[in-house]
Amino acid sequence: MYETTRLAIALRMARAACQLTQQELASALGVTKTVIARNEKPDMAMRADTLVRLIYVMREQGVEIDVFSTLDSVRLYTTGEHLDATAMRVARAALNLNQQAFADTLGLTKPIVTRGERPNSIMRSDVMVTMRHELNQRGIQIDWIPIVQDLTVTVHPRAVEAIDALQQGEALPGEPNEELVPTTLAEKLRGETTASHRVEKRKKDTDRG
């Protein structure tokens, strides 16, 4: 499952970097939308020829996907303008979160994330610092300096492991009986905590329903 998760992360990141719909990417790769949808989840292993076509199509778009340098990480590299917005979209795609969940993870608001992902908007420096710090804590590294028009987003092994565990509905690595719960913005504003997450006892499936 780990390897299919790594390839799913690469596919989601690539599509987010190019702002393609699942249908648009499917057409470019010569597969069906269903194949893309299933490959973006650890439901089905990506075929080797699909991976080769993905790398080729992304390269034509100015995006390099690297799943070969190591057996554990995923790396995306691209150049151009508005790379702060690209970084946010790619990181959110790696985690497979909607905008609200991503905002909660970073301790931001959904409107900030929505604006931050728009190519023509300028991300506030404090938002970028917060995003880079919070993601780095989770094993996702963003290498980008505003005056340099290139961006590298690396999903390190511990991030892949956490994403893999969450997608399978399992406990996070090293936390068999606990789970990380995002701290709400309201809790931070009330001064109750400055941490981005808190640890709670993991609820059993029977407790959730």
C-alpha atoms as a PDB file:
ATOM      1  CA  MET A   1       0.000   0.000   0.000  1.00  0.00           C
ATOM      2  CA  TYR A   2       2.873   2.373   0.778  1.00  0.00           C
ATOM      3  CA  GLU A   3       4.120   2.438  -2.819  1.00  0.00           C
ATOM      4  CA  THR A   4       0.670   3.054  -4.287  1.00  0.00           C
ATOM      5  CA  THR A   5       0.252   5.908  -1.800  1.00  0.00           C
ATOM      6  CA  ARG A   6       3.536   7.447  -2.961  1.00  0.00           C
ATOM      7  CA  LEU A   7       2.461   7.310  -6.594  1.00  0.00           C
ATOM      8  CA  ALA A   8      -0.973   8.676  -5.689  1.00  0.00           C
ATOM      9  CA  ILE A   9       0.705  11.629  -3.965  1.00  0.00           C
ATOM     10  CA  ALA A  10       2.848  12.263  -7.063  1.00  0.00           C
ATOM     11  CA  LEU A  11      -0.205  12.206  -9.330  1.00  0.00           C
ATOM     12  CA  ARG A  12      -2.192  14.588  -7.131  1.00  0.00           C
ATOM     13  CA  MET A  13       0.745  16.985  -6.841  1.00  0.00           C
ATOM     14  CA  ALA A  14       1.314  16.977 -10.601  1.00  0.00           C
ATOM     15  CA  ARG A  15      -2.318  17.685 -11.398  1.00  0.00           C
ATOM     16  CA  ALA A  16      -2.452  20.478  -8.826  1.00  0.00           C
ATOM     17  CA  ALA A  17       0.718  22.103 -10.191  1.00  0.00           C
ATOM     18  CA  CYS A  18      -0.785  22.262 -13.688  1.00  0.00           C
ATOM     19  CA  GLN A  19      -4.321  23.075 -12.485  1.00  0.00           C
ATOM     20  CA  LEU A  20      -5.824  20.258 -14.519  1.00  0.00           C
ATOM     21  CA  THR A  21      -9.114  18.523 -13.858  1.00  0.00           C
ATOM     22  CA  GLN A  22      -9.130  14.745 -13.594  1.00  0.00           C
ATOM     23  CA  GLN A  23     -10.748  14.579 -17.044  1.00  0.00           C
ATOM     24  CA  GLU A  24      -8.157  16.893 -18.594  1.00  0.00           C
ATOM     25  CA  LEU A  25      -5.270  14.864 -17.213  1.00  0.00           C
ATOM     26  CA  ALA A  26      -6.967  11.616 -18.234  1.00  0.00           C
ATOM     27  CA  SER A  27      -7.269  12.880 -21.811  1.00  0.00           C
ATOM     28  CA  ALA A  28      -3.615  13.927 -21.848  1.00  0.00           C
ATOM     29  CA  LEU A  29      -2.518  10.491 -20.622  1.00  0.00           C
ATOM     30  CA  GLY A  30      -4.891   8.551 -22.846  1.00  0.00           C
ATOM     31  CA  VAL A  31      -6.751   6.907 -19.972  1.00  0.00           C
ATOM     32  CA  THR A  32     -10.203   7.279 -18.460  1.00  0.00           C
ATOM     33  CA  LYS A  33     -11.174   9.695 -15.711  1.00  0.00           C
ATOM     34  CA  THR A  34     -11.931   6.664 -13.534  1.00  0.00           C
ATOM     35  CA  VAL A  35      -8.297   5.546 -13.790  1.00  0.00           C
ATOM     36  CA  ILE A  36      -7.086   8.961 -12.617  1.00  0.00           C
ATOM     37  CA  ALA A  37      -9.588   9.037  -9.757  1.00  0.00           C
ATOM     38  CA  ARG A  38      -8.542   5.575  -8.572  1.00  0.00           C
ATOM     39  CA  ASN A  39      -4.817   6.261  -9.034  1.00  0.00           C
ATOM     40  CA  GLU A  40      -5.113   9.376  -6.850  1.00  0.00           C
ATOM     41  CA  LYS A  41      -6.156   7.066  -4.013  1.00  0.00           C
ATOM     42  CA  PRO A  42      -4.353   3.910  -2.904  1.00  0.00           C
ATOM     43  CA  ASP A  43      -7.130   1.821  -4.450  1.00  0.00           C
ATOM     44  CA  MET A  44      -5.245   0.753  -7.553  1.00  0.00           C
ATOM     45  CA  ALA A  45      -1.542   0.550  -8.380  1.00  0.00           C
ATOM     46  CA  MET A  46      -0.510   2.884 -11.181  1.00  0.00           C
ATOM     47  CA  ARG A  47       0.621   1.028 -14.272  1.00  0.00           C
ATOM     48  CA  ALA A  48       4.206   1.606 -15.377  1.00  0.00           C
ATOM     49  CA  ASP A  49       3.165   2.963 -18.780  1.00  0.00           C
ATOM     50  CA  THR A  50       0.777   5.423 -17.108  1.00  0.00           C
ATOM     51  CA  LEU A  51       3.587   6.650 -14.851  1.00  0.00           C
ATOM     52  CA  VAL A  52       5.902   7.095 -17.854  1.00  0.00           C
ATOM     53  CA  ARG A  53       3.239   9.083 -19.713  1.00  0.00           C
ATOM     54  CA  LEU A  54       2.562  11.173 -16.604  1.00  0.00           C
ATOM     55  CA  ILE A  55       6.231  12.112 -16.296  1.00  0.00           C
ATOM     56  CA  TYR A  56       6.402  12.950 -20.021  1.00  0.00           C
ATOM     57  CA  VAL A  57       3.201  15.046 -20.050  1.00  0.00           C
ATOM     58  CA  MET A  58       4.230  16.902 -16.902  1.00  0.00           C
ATOM     59  CA  ARG A  59       7.635  17.647 -18.379  1.00  0.00           C
ATOM     60  CA  GLU A  60       5.918  19.261 -21.352  1.00  0.00           C
ATOM     61  CA  GLN A  61       4.067  21.438 -18.830  1.00  0.00           C
ATOM     62  CA  GLY A  62       7.332  22.451 -17.161  1.00  0.00           C
ATOM     63  CA  VAL A  63       6.813  20.200 -14.150  1.00  0.00           C
ATOM     64  CA  GLU A  64       9.255  17.482 -13.082  1.00  0.00           C
ATOM     65  CA  ILE A  65       7.967  14.600 -10.966  1.00  0.00           C
ATOM     66  CA  ASP A  66      10.633  12.532  -9.203  1.00  0.00           C
ATOM     67  CA  VAL A  67       9.728   9.207  -7.629  1.00  0.00           C
ATOM     68  CA  PHE A  68      12.991   7.488  -8.551  1.00  0.00           C
ATOM     69  CA  SER A  69      15.756   9.342  -6.675  1.00  0.00           C
ATOM     70  CA  THR A  70      14.761   7.538  -3.482  1.00  0.00           C
ATOM     71  CA  LEU A  71      12.416   4.684  -2.725  1.00  0.00           C
ATOM     72  CA  ASP A  72      10.536   6.655  -0.085  1.00  0.00           C
ATOM     73  CA  SER A  73      10.011  10.321  -0.971  1.00  0.00           C
ATOM     74  CA  VAL A  74       8.180  12.263  -3.689  1.00  0.00           C
ATOM     75  CA  ARG A  75       9.567  15.430  -5.252  1.00  0.00           C
ATOM     76  CA  LEU A  76       8.030  18.003  -7.588  1.00  0.00           C
ATOM     77  CA  TYR A  77      10.025  20.731  -9.329  1.00  0.00           C
ATOM     78  CA  THR A  78       8.714  23.551 -11.497  1.00  0.00           C
ATOM     79  CA  THR A  79       9.569  27.071 -12.638  1.00  0.00           C
ATOM     80  CA  GLY A  80       7.564  30.166 -13.474  1.00  0.00           C
ATOM     81  CA  GLU A  81       5.481  32.872 -11.848  1.00  0.00           C
ATOM     82  CA  HIS A  82       3.053  32.750  -8.912  1.00  0.00           C
ATOM     83  CA  LEU A  83       4.883  29.823  -7.367  1.00  0.00           C
ATOM     84  CA  ASP A  84       3.574  30.675  -3.904  1.00  0.00           C
ATOM     85  CA  ALA A  85       0.089  29.740  -5.103  1.00  0.00           C
ATOM     86  CA  THR A  86       1.493  26.635  -6.776  1.00  0.00           C
ATOM     87  CA  ALA A  87       3.239  25.618  -3.548  1.00  0.00           C
ATOM     88  CA  MET A  88      -0.009  25.853  -1.598  1.00  0.00           C
ATOM     89  CA  ARG A  89      -2.009  23.882  -4.174  1.00  0.00           C
ATOM     90  CA  VAL A  90       0.663  21.185  -4.455  1.00  0.00           C
ATOM     91  CA  ALA A  91       1.059  20.788  -0.694  1.00  0.00           C
ATOM     92  CA  ARG A  92      -2.700  20.539  -0.189  1.00  0.00           C
ATOM     93  CA  ALA A  93      -2.907  17.957  -2.967  1.00  0.00           C
ATOM     94  CA  ALA A  94      -0.133  15.923  -1.350  1.00  0.00           C
ATOM     95  CA  LEU A  95      -2.099  15.776   1.899  1.00  0.00           C
ATOM     96  CA  ASN A  96      -5.327  15.121  -0.032  1.00  0.00           C
ATOM     97  CA  LEU A  97      -7.268  17.702   1.991  1.00  0.00           C
ATOM     98  CA  ASN A  98     -10.015  20.121   1.027  1.00  0.00           C
ATOM     99  CA  GLN A  99      -9.392  23.832   1.569  1.00  0.00           C
ATOM    100  CA  GLN A 100     -11.093  23.938   4.970  1.00  0.00           C
ATOM    101  CA  ALA A 101      -9.201  20.938   6.333  1.00  0.00           C
ATOM    102  CA  PHE A 102      -5.932  22.315   4.956  1.00  0.00           C
ATOM    103  CA  ALA A 103      -6.619  25.690   6.578  1.00  0.00           C
ATOM    104  CA  ASP A 104      -7.332  23.983   9.910  1.00  0.00           C
ATOM    105  CA  THR A 105      -4.093  22.012   9.625  1.00  0.00           C
ATOM    106  CA  LEU A 106      -2.062  25.195   9.124  1.00  0.00           C
ATOM    107  CA  GLY A 107      -3.964  27.250  11.690  1.00  0.00           C
ATOM    108  CA  LEU A 108      -5.310  29.556   8.953  1.00  0.00           C
ATOM    109  CA  THR A 109      -8.786  30.382   7.652  1.00  0.00           C
ATOM    110  CA  LYS A 110     -10.367  28.955   4.524  1.00  0.00           C
ATOM    111  CA  PRO A 111     -10.544  32.402   2.796  1.00  0.00           C
ATOM    112  CA  ILE A 112      -6.775  32.778   3.255  1.00  0.00           C
ATOM    113  CA  VAL A 113      -6.207  29.401   1.590  1.00  0.00           C
ATOM    114  CA  THR A 114      -8.691  30.164  -1.183  1.00  0.00           C
ATOM    115  CA  ARG A 115      -6.963  33.467  -1.972  1.00  0.00           C
ATOM    116  CA  GLY A 116      -3.534  31.928  -1.542  1.00  0.00           C
ATOM    117  CA  GLU A 117      -4.184  29.358  -4.267  1.00  0.00           C
ATOM    118  CA  ARG A 118      -5.192  31.959  -6.852  1.00  0.00           C
ATOM    119  CA  PRO A 119      -2.311  32.544  -9.313  1.00  0.00           C
ATOM    120  CA  ASN A 120      -2.882  36.302  -9.580  1.00  0.00           C
ATOM    121  CA  SER A 121      -2.970  36.967  -5.841  1.00  0.00           C
ATOM    122  CA  ILE A 122       0.090  37.756  -3.741  1.00  0.00           C
ATOM    123  CA  MET A 123       0.447  35.592  -0.655  1.00  0.00           C
ATOM    124  CA  ARG A 124       1.322  37.463   2.516  1.00  0.00           C
ATOM    125  CA  SER A 125       4.807  36.690   3.771  1.00  0.00           C
ATOM    126  CA  ASP A 126       3.488  35.625   7.188  1.00  0.00           C
ATOM    127  CA  VAL A 127       1.120  33.134   5.531  1.00  0.00           C
ATOM    128  CA  MET A 128       4.009  31.637   3.554  1.00  0.00           C
ATOM    129  CA  VAL A 129       6.158  31.412   6.691  1.00  0.00           C
ATOM    130  CA  THR A 130       3.333  29.711   8.605  1.00  0.00           C
ATOM    131  CA  MET A 131       2.634  27.298   5.764  1.00  0.00           C
ATOM    132  CA  ARG A 132       6.273  26.337   5.322  1.00  0.00           C
ATOM    133  CA  HIS A 133       6.775  25.866   9.063  1.00  0.00           C
ATOM    134  CA  GLU A 134       3.627  23.797   9.640  1.00  0.00           C
ATOM    135  CA  LEU A 135       4.235  21.628   6.576  1.00  0.00           C
ATOM    136  CA  ASN A 136       7.870  21.096   7.502  1.00  0.00           C
ATOM    137  CA  GLN A 137       6.682  19.801  10.869  1.00  0.00           C
ATOM    138  CA  ARG A 138       4.758  17.173   8.911  1.00  0.00           C
ATOM    139  CA  GLY A 139       7.605  16.211   6.613  1.00  0.00           C
ATOM    140  CA  ILE A 140       6.687  18.328   3.582  1.00  0.00           C
ATOM    141  CA  GLN A 141       9.452  20.708   2.552  1.00  0.00           C
ATOM    142  CA  ILE A 142       8.878  23.788   0.371  1.00  0.00           C
ATOM    143  CA  ASP A 143      11.981  25.306  -1.206  1.00  0.00           C
ATOM    144  CA  TRP A 144      11.115  28.654  -2.778  1.00  0.00           C
ATOM    145  CA  ILE A 145      12.458  32.181  -2.533  1.00  0.00           C
ATOM    146  CA  PRO A 146      10.300  34.941  -4.100  1.00  0.00           C
ATOM    147  CA  ILE A 147      13.100  36.352  -6.256  1.00  0.00           C
ATOM    148  CA  VAL A 148      13.962  32.888  -7.596  1.00  0.00           C
ATOM    149  CA  GLN A 149      11.494  31.523 -10.129  1.00  0.00           C
ATOM    150  CA  ASP A 150      11.746  27.860  -9.251  1.00  0.00           C
ATOM    151  CA  LEU A 151       9.976  25.727  -6.704  1.00  0.00           C
ATOM    152  CA  THR A 152      10.679  22.336  -5.179  1.00  0.00           C
ATOM    153  CA  VAL A 153       8.157  20.539  -2.983  1.00  0.00           C
ATOM    154  CA  THR A 154       9.443  17.389  -1.299  1.00  0.00           C
ATOM    155  CA  VAL A 155       7.246  14.926   0.566  1.00  0.00           C
ATOM    156  CA  HIS A 156       9.629  13.103   2.873  1.00  0.00           C
ATOM    157  CA  PRO A 157       9.132   9.497   4.063  1.00  0.00           C
ATOM    158  CA  ARG A 158       7.527  10.354   7.408  1.00  0.00           C
ATOM    159  CA  ALA A 159       4.913  12.452   5.586  1.00  0.00           C
ATOM    160  CA  VAL A 160       4.254   9.630   3.131  1.00  0.00           C
ATOM    161  CA  GLU A 161       3.860   7.218   6.058  1.00  0.00           C
ATOM    162  CA  ALA A 162       1.388   9.523   7.808  1.00  0.00           C
ATOM    163  CA  ILE A 163      -0.635  10.071   4.620  1.00  0.00           C
ATOM    164  CA  ASP A 164      -0.602   6.337   3.946  1.00  0.00           C
ATOM    165  CA  ALA A 165      -1.847   5.582   7.458  1.00  0.00           C
ATOM    166  CA  LEU A 166      -4.620   8.176   7.311  1.00  0.00           C
ATOM    167  CA  GLN A 167      -5.806   6.977   3.908  1.00  0.00           C
ATOM    168  CA  GLN A 168      -6.120   3.477   5.310  1.00  0.00           C
ATOM    169  CA  GLY A 169      -7.945   4.744   8.380  1.00  0.00           C
ATOM    170  CA  GLU A 170      -5.161   3.545  10.643  1.00  0.00           C
ATOM    171  CA  ALA A 171      -3.369   5.217  13.534  1.00  0.00           C
ATOM    172  CA  LEU A 172      -0.532   7.558  12.711  1.00  0.00           C
ATOM    173  CA  PRO A 173       2.936   5.951  12.791  1.00  0.00           C
ATOM    174  CA  GLY A 174       4.144   5.729  16.384  1.00  0.00           C
ATOM    175  CA  GLU A 175       0.740   6.660  17.825  1.00  0.00           C
ATOM    176  CA  PRO A 176      -1.275   3.433  17.976  1.00  0.00           C
ATOM    177  CA  ASN A 177      -3.742   4.669  20.573  1.00  0.00           C
ATOM    178  CA  GLU A 178      -3.772   8.393  19.872  1.00  0.00           C
ATOM    179  CA  GLU A 179      -4.470  10.778  17.005  1.00  0.00           C
ATOM    180  CA  LEU A 180      -3.505  14.327  16.090  1.00  0.00           C
ATOM    181  CA  VAL A 181      -6.432  16.763  16.081  1.00  0.00           C
ATOM    182  CA  PRO A 182      -5.991  20.245  14.541  1.00  0.00           C
ATOM    183  CA  THR A 183      -6.209  23.104  17.026  1.00  0.00           C
ATOM    184  CA  THR A 184      -8.992  25.476  16.023  1.00  0.00           C
ATOM    185  CA  LEU A 185      -8.370  29.143  15.315  1.00  0.00           C
ATOM    186  CA  ALA A 186     -10.845  30.021  18.058  1.00  0.00           C
ATOM    187  CA  GLU A 187      -8.759  28.144  20.646  1.00  0.00           C
ATOM    188  CA  LYS A 188      -5.658  30.047  19.575  1.00  0.00           C
ATOM    189  CA  LEU A 189      -7.430  33.415  19.651  1.00  0.00           C
ATOM    190  CA  ARG A 190      -8.666  32.658  23.176  1.00  0.00           C
ATOM    191  CA  GLY A 191      -5.063  32.045  24.174  1.00  0.00           C
ATOM    192  CA  GLU A 192      -5.733  28.443  25.175  1.00  0.00           C
ATOM    193  CA  THR A 193      -2.852  27.124  23.093  1.00  0.00           C
ATOM    194  CA  THR A 194      -0.258  28.087  20.480  1.00  0.00           C
ATOM    195  CA  ALA A 195       0.195  24.550  19.161  1.00  0.00           C
ATOM    196  CA  SER A 196      -1.122  23.645  15.719  1.00  0.00           C
ATOM    197  CA  HIS A 197      -2.364  20.223  16.894  1.00  0.00           C
ATOM    198  CA  ARG A 198      -3.225  18.418  20.106  1.00  0.00           C
ATOM    199  CA  VAL A 199      -3.134  14.722  20.905  1.00  0.00           C
ATOM    200  CA  GLU A 200      -6.347  12.935  21.809  1.00  0.00           C
ATOM    201  CA  LYS A 201      -7.181   9.330  22.518  1.00  0.00           C
ATOM    202  CA  ARG A 202      -8.182   7.693  19.255  1.00  0.00           C
ATOM    203  CA  LYS A 203     -11.880   6.903  19.105  1.00  0.00           C
ATOM    204  CA  LYS A 204     -12.969   3.481  18.053  1.00  0.00           C
ATOM    205  CA  ASP A 205     -15.094   3.201  14.921  1.00  0.00           C
ATOM    206  CA  THR A 206     -18.066   2.279  17.076  1.00  0.00           C
ATOM    207  CA  ASP A 207     -17.635   5.540  19.003  1.00  0.00           C
ATOM    208  CA  ARG A 208     -17.677   7.642  15.825  1.00  0.00           C
ATOM    209  CA  GLY A 209     -21.031   6.463  14.570  1.00  0.00           C
END
